[in-house]
Every structure is written in structure tokens, then in C-alpha cells.
Amino acid sequence: MSNRGWIGFDLDGTLAKYDTWQGITHIGKPIPAMIKKVKEHLKEGYEVKIFTARVTPYRIDDMQTCEASLAIKAWCKKHIGVELEVTCIKDFLCLCIYDDRCIRVEFNTGRILSNE
């Protein structure tokens, strides 16, 4: 674990291709550019986590959350080479999150920045 904080990567649509929901344990094919980015951050010594709503604590069936986490870790091992922690919680050690749904806002101003 890095003492510099952690970097999050959304799963569906960011790290893995996503078309339609096919179940809690189905994960699409890896997106090569993002897999490369994960590996770069790991090589630089950063802790990398998968940041996904699949493991929300608000799910009625806790077994689904466990199944999702195990499936994601196995997918990471296969496509990244290591199991990564899976979370849906952003804390004070989070440095940044790669996500297909976010809109970037300038720090302390509220000004929306270009995502390009």
C-alpha cells in the first residue's frame, strides 16, 4: 500500500467495455488504454483501486456484493496481473478517479472544466 494515497478506476465503461447489464459477475472485455494507465500508476508506486457501484453497501443481497467483488478481483488478476482492492467509497486518501460519468470541476471555484 502506498502512503501517497490511492487512484480509483471505474469498472464498467472505463476499464471494461459495457453494453448492457448481464449480471453482477459479468465483466466486459478490458479497454487496453485504461489497463495500460492502471499498470503505469502501479509501476509508479501508487495504490490503485477499482471504484464501482457494484459493491454498494445498499444492495439488498450482501452475497451479490461479495460475488461482484470476487469477480472483479479475478478479472483484475487476469487482465492487469494483480488483484486490486474494490470499493465504492471515496475517502481523504483518494487522489483521483478515472470515470466515464464524471464532470470535472475546478478546485474551490465551482467552474466546470473541459473533460477533453
Foldseek 3Di string as FASTA:
>chain_A
DDPQFAEEEEFDPTQADDDDDDALLDTHHGDVVVLVVVLVCVVVPHAYEYAYPSLPPPDPDNVSNVNNLVSQQVVCCVRNVGGHHYYNDDDPRYPYYHDPPDFDAPPPPRHTDDPD
